[in-house]
Amino acid sequence: MGAQAMTPAEFDQLAEFATARERDVLEAVALHGSQRRAAEALGVSKSAVSNAFDQVRKRAARRGHAPGHFVSGVAPGYLMGKVTVQRAKDGAVERTWERQSPEQVAQQEALRAGLEAMAAELPRVKPRKPAANDDAYSSKIMACYPIGDAHIGMMSWPEETGEAWDLKIAEEMHSTAMARLVEMAPGCEEAAIVNLGDWYHADNMEGVTSRSGHRLDMDSRYAKMARTGVRIMRTMIETALTKHKRVRVINAVGNHDDTGSLMLSICLAHIYENEPRVIIDTAPAPCHYIRHGLTLVGVHHGHSIKPERLPGVMATDRAEDWGQTRHRYWWMGHVHHQSLQKDHPGVSVESFRTLAAKDAYATWGGYRAPRDMKVILLHSEHGEVGRYTVTPEMLAEVA
């Protein structure tokens, strides 16, 4: 539209999505014939008028309209994206190019419904009694197994990266690491397997990241990757049940597996539907929380909230828990290296390493963080009281 005057039809389309103040701006443009003259009449800058138009256009586009260009709207379940208009010298529209994309909320709902229907056919695990007597379990200590970015489905060619990685290696290493860490940990009533995000390397058949379109090095097909990821997590849960009375599973949403993490949680929830000793957290939230006595842990992948903002997020999200606890931690993945508990007022923030090898992108980018996985022991009164670590080299010795 720019400095062009509005037709009555164009005004009606925009006015439907305008606030009272924005409607005053639209009326001024319609009355005076241009944004510049409208700005002069209102006593504001031309940029203020232009910004008001931009806000109304964006609001209209989110509702499936492109005011001033066409009135056909969009297909059900889609949102209007970029619209390109070619005009003649007299201002008449010659061509219009529309970009429509699936509306994200409807897309997520459809995906969730499909995954639940698919997972409903999976076999359920029958409930089992704990392997030891109740006296063998500690109620004071909670064993937590934070898993840094597993990147299951990633392919690393050792001649290029110096390290091999594929689906077979990922399954063997994560399963062995969990077994070794469970051996090290004491028997506890409560345990948590905390997938810190990017469990899967890719989130689609194309093998590209959803946000940036970055092409990924993939091993085999998406379906095989999804199946292997579920199997690895089931192995970890079964291993934890040999030492702990109850096991909670958290799958944080990562930037590589927005929908894969959702699929994983839904499948596991159906598999363990009849097993009261296993609790699967299925909330598709960016942050998850673990409360153990006077200890509170927040879980976030690390891609959408900066570390320095996490203390305030916890204090807001869990205000009651914040007031009732003394030891507070944030656990993150995403960066593939360990930052040892940087202290903020009231809470410390820590990122964790990954067991996965470097891919070509990390190799060429100069990323060289060590690889490991840990079990952290949380005391109900004293916070973290211990941790054990395993590395790929240690796992090779016991293989």
Protein backbone atom coordinates (compact mmCIF):
# COMPACT_ATOMS: atom_id res chain seq x y z
CA MET A 1 0.00 0.00 0.00
CA GLY A 2 2.89 2.40 0.90
CA ALA A 3 1.80 5.98 0.28
CA GLN A 4 -1.16 4.92 -1.88
CA ALA A 5 -4.67 5.93 -0.90
CA MET A 6 -6.95 3.17 0.35
CA THR A 7 -10.10 2.02 -1.33
CA PRO A 8 -13.18 1.52 0.89
CA ALA A 9 -12.78 -2.29 0.49
CA GLU A 10 -9.15 -2.13 1.61
CA PHE A 11 -10.08 0.02 4.61
CA ASP A 12 -12.81 -2.42 5.64
CA GLN A 13 -10.40 -5.37 5.45
CA LEU A 14 -7.74 -3.69 7.60
CA ALA A 15 -10.12 -2.05 10.08
CA GLU A 16 -11.43 -5.47 11.10
CA PHE A 17 -8.04 -6.26 12.68
CA ALA A 18 -7.12 -2.82 14.03
CA THR A 19 -7.10 -1.50 17.60
CA ALA A 20 -8.90 1.78 18.33
CA ARG A 21 -5.68 3.79 17.88
CA GLU A 22 -4.76 1.92 14.70
CA ARG A 23 -8.24 2.51 13.34
CA ASP A 24 -7.72 6.27 13.83
CA VAL A 25 -4.56 5.98 11.72
CA LEU A 26 -6.40 4.05 8.99
CA GLU A 27 -9.19 6.62 8.92
CA ALA A 28 -6.65 9.43 8.61
CA VAL A 29 -4.97 7.74 5.65
CA ALA A 30 -8.32 7.11 4.00
CA LEU A 31 -9.34 10.75 4.56
CA HIS A 32 -6.09 12.46 3.51
CA GLY A 33 -5.02 10.09 0.75
CA SER A 34 -1.53 9.06 1.91
CA GLN A 35 0.45 7.99 4.95
CA ARG A 36 2.55 11.17 4.83
CA ARG A 37 -0.48 13.48 4.87
CA ALA A 38 -2.15 11.35 7.54
CA ALA A 39 0.97 11.67 9.72
CA GLU A 40 0.94 15.47 9.33
CA ALA A 41 -2.75 15.64 10.24
CA LEU A 42 -2.26 13.43 13.31
CA GLY A 43 0.89 15.26 14.39
CA VAL A 44 3.01 12.09 14.39
CA SER A 45 5.94 10.83 12.34
CA LYS A 46 5.39 8.96 9.09
CA SER A 47 7.17 5.96 10.60
CA ALA A 48 4.56 5.82 13.36
CA VAL A 49 1.83 5.58 10.73
CA SER A 50 3.80 3.00 8.77
CA ASN A 51 4.41 0.91 11.91
CA ALA A 52 0.70 0.95 12.69
CA PHE A 53 0.00 -0.41 9.22
CA ASP A 54 2.61 -3.12 9.66
CA GLN A 55 1.07 -4.28 12.94
CA VAL A 56 -2.41 -4.47 11.42
CA ARG A 57 -1.12 -6.36 8.37
CA LYS A 58 0.70 -8.92 10.54
CA ARG A 59 -2.37 -9.40 12.72
CA ALA A 60 -4.54 -9.86 9.64
CA ALA A 61 -2.11 -12.33 8.06
CA ARG A 62 -2.19 -14.48 11.19
CA ARG A 63 -5.94 -14.67 10.72
CA GLY A 64 -5.61 -15.72 7.08
CA HIS A 65 -6.05 -12.41 5.25
CA ALA A 66 -3.80 -10.13 3.20
CA PRO A 67 -5.69 -6.80 3.29
CA GLY A 68 -5.34 -4.58 0.26
CA HIS A 69 -4.37 -7.39 -2.10
CA PHE A 70 -7.11 -10.00 -2.25
CA VAL A 71 -10.17 -11.13 -0.34
CA SER A 72 -10.16 -14.88 -0.91
CA GLY A 73 -8.52 -15.70 2.44
CA VAL A 74 -6.64 -18.97 2.93
CA ALA A 75 -7.38 -22.66 2.99
CA PRO A 76 -8.67 -24.10 6.27
CA GLY A 77 -5.84 -25.03 8.64
CA TYR A 78 -3.33 -22.70 6.96
CA LEU A 79 -1.83 -19.33 7.80
CA MET A 80 -0.96 -16.57 5.37
CA GLY A 81 2.76 -16.04 5.00
CA LYS A 82 4.58 -13.66 2.70
CA VAL A 83 2.49 -12.00 -0.03
CA THR A 84 4.23 -10.40 -3.02
CA VAL A 85 2.25 -7.95 -5.16
CA GLN A 86 3.27 -6.53 -8.53
CA ARG A 87 1.60 -3.24 -9.44
CA ALA A 88 1.41 -1.27 -12.64
CA LYS A 89 2.45 2.40 -12.85
CA ASP A 90 -1.12 3.46 -12.17
CA GLY A 91 -1.21 1.38 -8.98
CA ALA A 92 -3.36 -1.44 -10.35
CA VAL A 93 -2.49 -4.93 -9.15
CA GLU A 94 -1.03 -7.04 -11.96
CA ARG A 95 0.13 -10.19 -10.15
CA THR A 96 -0.04 -11.61 -6.63
CA TRP A 97 2.06 -14.41 -5.16
CA GLU A 98 0.76 -15.94 -1.93
CA ARG A 99 2.70 -18.15 0.48
CA GLN A 100 0.49 -20.20 2.76
CA SER A 101 1.71 -22.65 5.39
CA PRO A 102 0.00 -25.09 7.75
CA GLU A 103 -1.26 -23.31 10.86
CA GLN A 104 1.10 -24.43 13.63
CA VAL A 105 -1.40 -25.06 16.41
CA ALA A 106 -3.65 -27.16 14.18
CA GLN A 107 -0.59 -28.96 12.83
CA GLN A 108 0.60 -29.84 16.35
CA GLU A 109 -2.87 -31.01 17.37
CA ALA A 110 -3.16 -33.21 14.28
CA LEU A 111 0.29 -34.65 14.89
CA ARG A 112 -0.46 -35.37 18.54
CA ALA A 113 -3.74 -37.08 17.67
CA GLY A 114 -2.02 -39.21 15.03
CA LEU A 115 0.77 -40.22 17.37
CA GLU A 116 -1.67 -41.16 20.13
CA ALA A 117 -3.66 -43.29 17.71
CA MET A 118 -0.49 -44.96 16.49
CA ALA A 119 0.88 -45.54 19.97
CA ALA A 120 -2.43 -47.00 21.17
CA GLU A 121 -1.57 -50.20 19.29
CA LEU A 122 1.78 -50.63 21.06
CA PRO A 123 2.04 -53.47 23.61
CA ARG A 124 1.72 -52.43 27.24
CA VAL A 125 4.31 -53.42 29.82
CA LYS A 126 2.89 -55.49 32.66
CA PRO A 127 3.50 -54.16 36.18
CA ARG A 128 6.35 -55.78 38.08
CA LYS A 129 7.37 -55.82 41.71
CA PRO A 130 10.63 -54.10 42.71
CA ALA A 131 13.62 -56.41 42.73
CA ALA A 132 14.52 -55.58 46.35
CA ASN A 133 12.66 -55.08 49.62
CA ASP A 134 11.52 -51.60 50.58
CA ASP A 135 14.31 -51.44 53.19
CA ALA A 136 16.87 -51.51 50.40
CA TYR A 137 15.66 -48.20 48.95
CA SER A 138 16.74 -44.78 50.15
CA SER A 139 13.97 -42.20 50.49
CA LYS A 140 16.44 -39.38 51.10
CA ILE A 141 18.43 -39.78 47.87
CA MET A 142 17.00 -39.36 44.37
CA ALA A 143 19.09 -40.63 41.44
CA CYS A 144 18.87 -38.46 38.33
CA TYR A 145 20.31 -39.41 34.95
CA PRO A 146 20.63 -36.26 32.79
CA ILE A 147 21.28 -37.18 29.15
CA GLY A 148 22.96 -34.52 27.02
CA ASP A 149 22.00 -34.25 23.34
CA ALA A 150 21.93 -37.90 22.19
CA HIS A 151 21.48 -37.07 18.47
CA ILE A 152 20.21 -40.56 17.69
CA GLY A 153 20.10 -40.90 13.91
CA MET A 154 23.20 -38.80 13.29
CA MET A 155 25.97 -40.14 11.05
CA SER A 156 29.62 -39.29 11.67
CA TRP A 157 32.30 -40.52 9.27
CA PRO A 158 35.53 -41.07 11.24
CA GLU A 159 37.81 -40.24 8.31
CA GLU A 160 36.34 -36.73 8.36
CA THR A 161 35.46 -36.23 12.02
CA GLY A 162 37.84 -38.60 13.80
CA GLU A 163 34.91 -40.36 15.50
CA ALA A 164 32.35 -42.87 14.26
CA TRP A 165 28.66 -42.52 15.09
CA ASP A 166 25.55 -44.19 13.75
CA LEU A 167 22.36 -45.82 15.03
CA LYS A 168 24.09 -49.00 16.16
CA ILE A 169 26.83 -47.15 18.04
CA ALA A 170 24.31 -44.77 19.62
CA GLU A 171 22.21 -47.67 20.94
CA GLU A 172 25.16 -49.62 22.29
CA MET A 173 26.79 -46.62 23.96
CA HIS A 174 23.69 -45.15 25.62
CA SER A 175 22.46 -48.54 26.82
CA THR A 176 25.89 -49.45 28.23
CA ALA A 177 26.31 -46.02 29.86
CA MET A 178 22.97 -46.33 31.59
CA ALA A 179 23.78 -49.82 32.85
CA ARG A 180 27.12 -48.67 34.24
CA LEU A 181 25.67 -45.60 35.96
CA VAL A 182 22.81 -47.59 37.51
CA GLU A 183 25.43 -49.94 38.96
CA MET A 184 27.22 -46.95 40.52
CA ALA A 185 24.08 -45.35 41.97
CA PRO A 186 22.56 -46.40 45.30
CA GLY A 187 19.14 -47.99 45.43
CA CYS A 188 16.62 -45.13 45.62
CA GLU A 189 12.87 -44.93 45.92
CA GLU A 190 12.83 -42.13 43.33
CA ALA A 191 14.80 -41.80 40.11
CA ALA A 192 14.52 -39.57 37.04
CA ILE A 193 15.75 -40.12 33.50
CA VAL A 194 16.14 -36.61 32.11
CA ASN A 195 16.50 -36.35 28.35
CA LEU A 196 17.78 -32.77 27.95
CA GLY A 197 16.59 -32.48 24.34
CA ASP A 198 17.84 -33.31 20.84
CA TRP A 199 17.32 -36.99 21.56
CA TYR A 200 16.73 -37.35 17.83
CA HIS A 201 19.07 -35.80 15.30
CA ALA A 202 16.31 -34.83 12.85
CA ASP A 203 12.62 -34.08 13.01
CA ASN A 204 11.49 -34.86 9.47
CA MET A 205 11.99 -37.11 6.46
CA GLU A 206 14.11 -34.48 4.70
CA GLY A 207 16.81 -34.48 7.39
CA VAL A 208 16.91 -30.70 7.87
CA THR A 209 16.36 -28.58 10.96
CA SER A 210 12.85 -27.13 11.13
CA ARG A 211 13.95 -23.61 12.08
CA SER A 212 17.04 -22.90 9.98
CA GLY A 213 16.78 -25.50 7.22
CA HIS A 214 20.29 -26.74 8.05
CA ARG A 215 20.96 -30.06 6.30
CA LEU A 216 21.94 -32.85 8.68
CA ASP A 217 24.13 -35.95 8.35
CA MET A 218 21.64 -38.80 8.75
CA ASP A 219 22.07 -42.53 9.27
CA SER A 220 19.35 -44.46 7.46
CA ARG A 221 15.62 -43.67 7.36
CA TYR A 222 13.56 -41.52 9.73
CA ALA A 223 11.34 -44.46 10.74
CA LYS A 224 14.38 -46.53 11.71
CA MET A 225 15.73 -43.62 13.75
CA ALA A 226 12.39 -43.20 15.55
CA ARG A 227 12.19 -46.92 16.33
CA THR A 228 15.76 -47.04 17.63
CA GLY A 229 15.21 -43.99 19.85
CA VAL A 230 12.16 -45.56 21.51
CA ARG A 231 14.04 -48.81 22.03
CA ILE A 232 17.02 -47.07 23.67
CA MET A 233 14.79 -45.19 26.08
CA ARG A 234 12.90 -48.37 26.96
CA THR A 235 16.21 -50.08 27.70
CA MET A 236 17.20 -47.21 29.98
CA ILE A 237 13.90 -47.36 31.84
CA GLU A 238 14.08 -51.12 32.29
CA THR A 239 17.66 -50.79 33.57
CA ALA A 240 16.66 -48.09 36.07
CA LEU A 241 13.80 -50.25 37.38
CA THR A 242 16.31 -52.86 38.53
CA LYS A 243 17.73 -50.39 41.07
CA HIS A 244 14.99 -47.84 41.76
CA LYS A 245 11.43 -48.19 43.00
CA ARG A 246 9.89 -45.48 40.80
CA VAL A 247 11.26 -43.91 37.63
CA ARG A 248 10.12 -40.61 36.12
CA VAL A 249 10.99 -39.82 32.50
CA ILE A 250 11.30 -36.29 31.11
CA ASN A 251 11.86 -35.67 27.39
CA ALA A 252 12.71 -32.00 26.87
CA VAL A 253 11.89 -30.46 23.51
CA GLY A 254 15.06 -29.71 21.56
CA ASN A 255 15.74 -27.62 18.49
CA HIS A 256 16.44 -30.80 16.47
CA ASP A 257 13.36 -32.77 17.60
CA ASP A 258 10.37 -30.54 18.30
CA THR A 259 7.91 -33.26 17.30
CA GLY A 260 10.21 -36.25 17.84
CA SER A 261 10.35 -35.55 21.59
CA LEU A 262 6.55 -35.38 21.64
CA MET A 263 6.29 -38.67 19.78
CA LEU A 264 8.74 -40.32 22.18
CA SER A 265 6.79 -39.27 25.28
CA ILE A 266 3.43 -40.33 23.86
CA CYS A 267 4.73 -43.74 22.81
CA LEU A 268 6.34 -44.35 26.21
CA ALA A 269 3.19 -43.21 28.05
CA HIS A 270 1.16 -45.85 26.22
CA ILE A 271 3.78 -48.56 26.65
CA TYR A 272 3.97 -48.00 30.42
CA GLU A 273 0.30 -47.21 30.90
CA ASN A 274 -0.16 -50.21 33.20
CA GLU A 275 3.16 -49.89 35.06
CA PRO A 276 2.68 -47.65 38.12
CA ARG A 277 6.42 -47.60 38.82
CA VAL A 278 7.05 -45.57 35.63
CA ILE A 279 5.81 -41.99 35.20
CA ILE A 280 6.16 -40.42 31.76
CA ASP A 281 5.94 -36.62 31.59
CA THR A 282 3.99 -35.89 28.39
CA ALA A 283 3.63 -32.11 28.78
CA PRO A 284 4.81 -30.39 25.55
CA ALA A 285 6.23 -27.53 27.61
CA PRO A 286 9.60 -25.78 27.19
CA CYS A 287 10.42 -26.25 30.87
CA HIS A 288 9.95 -29.18 33.25
CA TYR A 289 10.53 -29.33 37.01
CA ILE A 290 11.59 -31.98 39.55
CA ARG A 291 10.88 -31.44 43.25
CA HIS A 292 12.63 -33.64 45.84
CA GLY A 293 12.17 -32.35 49.38
CA LEU A 294 14.10 -29.09 49.69
CA THR A 295 15.64 -29.53 46.23
CA LEU A 296 14.17 -28.15 42.99
CA VAL A 297 15.48 -28.84 39.48
CA GLY A 298 14.42 -27.10 36.27
CA VAL A 299 14.93 -28.77 32.88
CA HIS A 300 15.22 -26.85 29.60
CA HIS A 301 17.06 -27.70 26.39
CA GLY A 302 18.68 -24.27 26.23
CA HIS A 303 17.74 -23.14 22.72
CA SER A 304 14.94 -20.69 23.42
CA ILE A 305 15.65 -19.20 26.88
CA LYS A 306 19.01 -17.67 27.72
CA PRO A 307 20.66 -19.07 30.88
CA GLU A 308 20.57 -15.75 32.72
CA ARG A 309 16.78 -15.65 32.37
CA LEU A 310 16.19 -19.13 33.77
CA PRO A 311 16.28 -18.14 37.48
CA GLY A 312 13.40 -15.73 36.95
CA VAL A 313 11.51 -18.32 34.91
CA MET A 314 11.76 -20.85 37.75
CA ALA A 315 10.74 -18.32 40.40
CA THR A 316 7.66 -17.44 38.33
CA ASP A 317 6.67 -20.90 37.12
CA ARG A 318 7.16 -22.55 40.52
CA ALA A 319 6.69 -19.73 42.99
CA GLU A 320 5.42 -22.02 45.77
CA ASP A 321 8.19 -24.58 45.24
CA TRP A 322 10.77 -21.79 45.11
CA GLY A 323 9.67 -20.57 48.53
CA GLN A 324 9.73 -24.06 50.01
CA THR A 325 13.16 -25.18 48.72
CA ARG A 326 16.77 -24.28 49.52
CA HIS A 327 18.69 -25.99 46.72
CA ARG A 328 17.75 -25.06 43.14
CA TYR A 329 19.31 -26.10 39.84
CA TRP A 330 18.73 -25.69 36.12
CA TRP A 331 19.91 -28.49 33.81
CA MET A 332 20.40 -27.78 30.10
CA GLY A 333 21.76 -29.41 26.95
CA HIS A 334 22.13 -27.77 23.53
CA VAL A 335 25.73 -26.50 23.71
CA HIS A 336 27.35 -29.98 24.05
CA HIS A 337 29.84 -28.82 26.67
CA GLN A 338 29.76 -28.69 30.44
CA SER A 339 29.53 -25.38 32.24
CA LEU A 340 29.91 -26.18 35.92
CA GLN A 341 27.03 -24.72 37.86
CA LYS A 342 27.26 -21.01 37.24
CA ASP A 343 25.65 -19.48 40.28
CA HIS A 344 22.83 -16.97 39.95
CA PRO A 345 20.84 -15.51 42.85
CA GLY A 346 18.89 -18.44 44.26
CA VAL A 347 19.78 -21.05 41.62
CA SER A 348 22.70 -22.50 39.66
CA VAL A 349 22.64 -23.26 35.92
CA GLU A 350 24.57 -26.14 34.35
CA SER A 351 24.82 -27.51 30.82
CA PHE A 352 25.79 -31.11 30.13
CA ARG A 353 28.00 -32.88 27.64
CA THR A 354 26.83 -35.48 25.15
CA LEU A 355 27.93 -39.05 24.49
CA ALA A 356 27.46 -38.49 20.76
CA ALA A 357 30.44 -38.03 18.47
CA LYS A 358 31.05 -34.84 16.50
CA ASP A 359 29.29 -34.54 13.17
CA ALA A 360 30.80 -32.77 10.16
CA TYR A 361 29.30 -29.41 11.18
CA ALA A 362 30.87 -29.54 14.64
CA THR A 363 34.15 -30.80 13.25
CA TRP A 364 34.51 -28.02 10.71
CA GLY A 365 33.31 -25.48 13.27
CA GLY A 366 36.10 -26.38 15.68
CA TYR A 367 33.89 -27.78 18.45
CA ARG A 368 35.89 -30.25 20.56
CA ALA A 369 34.09 -30.76 23.89
CA PRO A 370 34.73 -34.02 25.80
CA ARG A 371 31.97 -36.64 25.85
CA ASP A 372 30.33 -38.20 28.90
CA MET A 373 27.11 -39.03 30.78
CA LYS A 374 26.38 -38.72 34.50
CA VAL A 375 24.17 -39.78 37.36
CA ILE A 376 23.54 -37.04 39.94
CA LEU A 377 22.45 -37.85 43.50
CA LEU A 378 20.07 -35.34 45.03
CA HIS A 379 19.44 -35.31 48.78
CA SER A 380 15.99 -34.25 49.97
CA GLU A 381 17.56 -31.89 52.54
CA HIS A 382 21.05 -31.05 51.25
CA GLY A 383 20.71 -30.81 47.46
CA GLU A 384 23.34 -32.46 45.27
CA VAL A 385 25.55 -34.74 47.34
CA GLY A 386 27.36 -36.69 44.64
CA ARG A 387 27.71 -37.64 41.00
CA TYR A 388 29.30 -40.36 38.92
CA THR A 389 30.52 -40.03 35.32
CA VAL A 390 31.17 -42.45 32.47
CA THR A 391 33.01 -41.68 29.22
CA PRO A 392 33.18 -43.52 25.87
CA GLU A 393 36.65 -44.73 26.80
CA MET A 394 35.36 -46.23 30.07
CA LEU A 395 32.48 -47.91 28.26
CA ALA A 396 34.88 -49.42 25.71
CA GLU A 397 36.80 -51.06 28.57
CA VAL A 398 33.72 -52.85 29.92
CA ALA A 399 32.23 -53.75 26.52
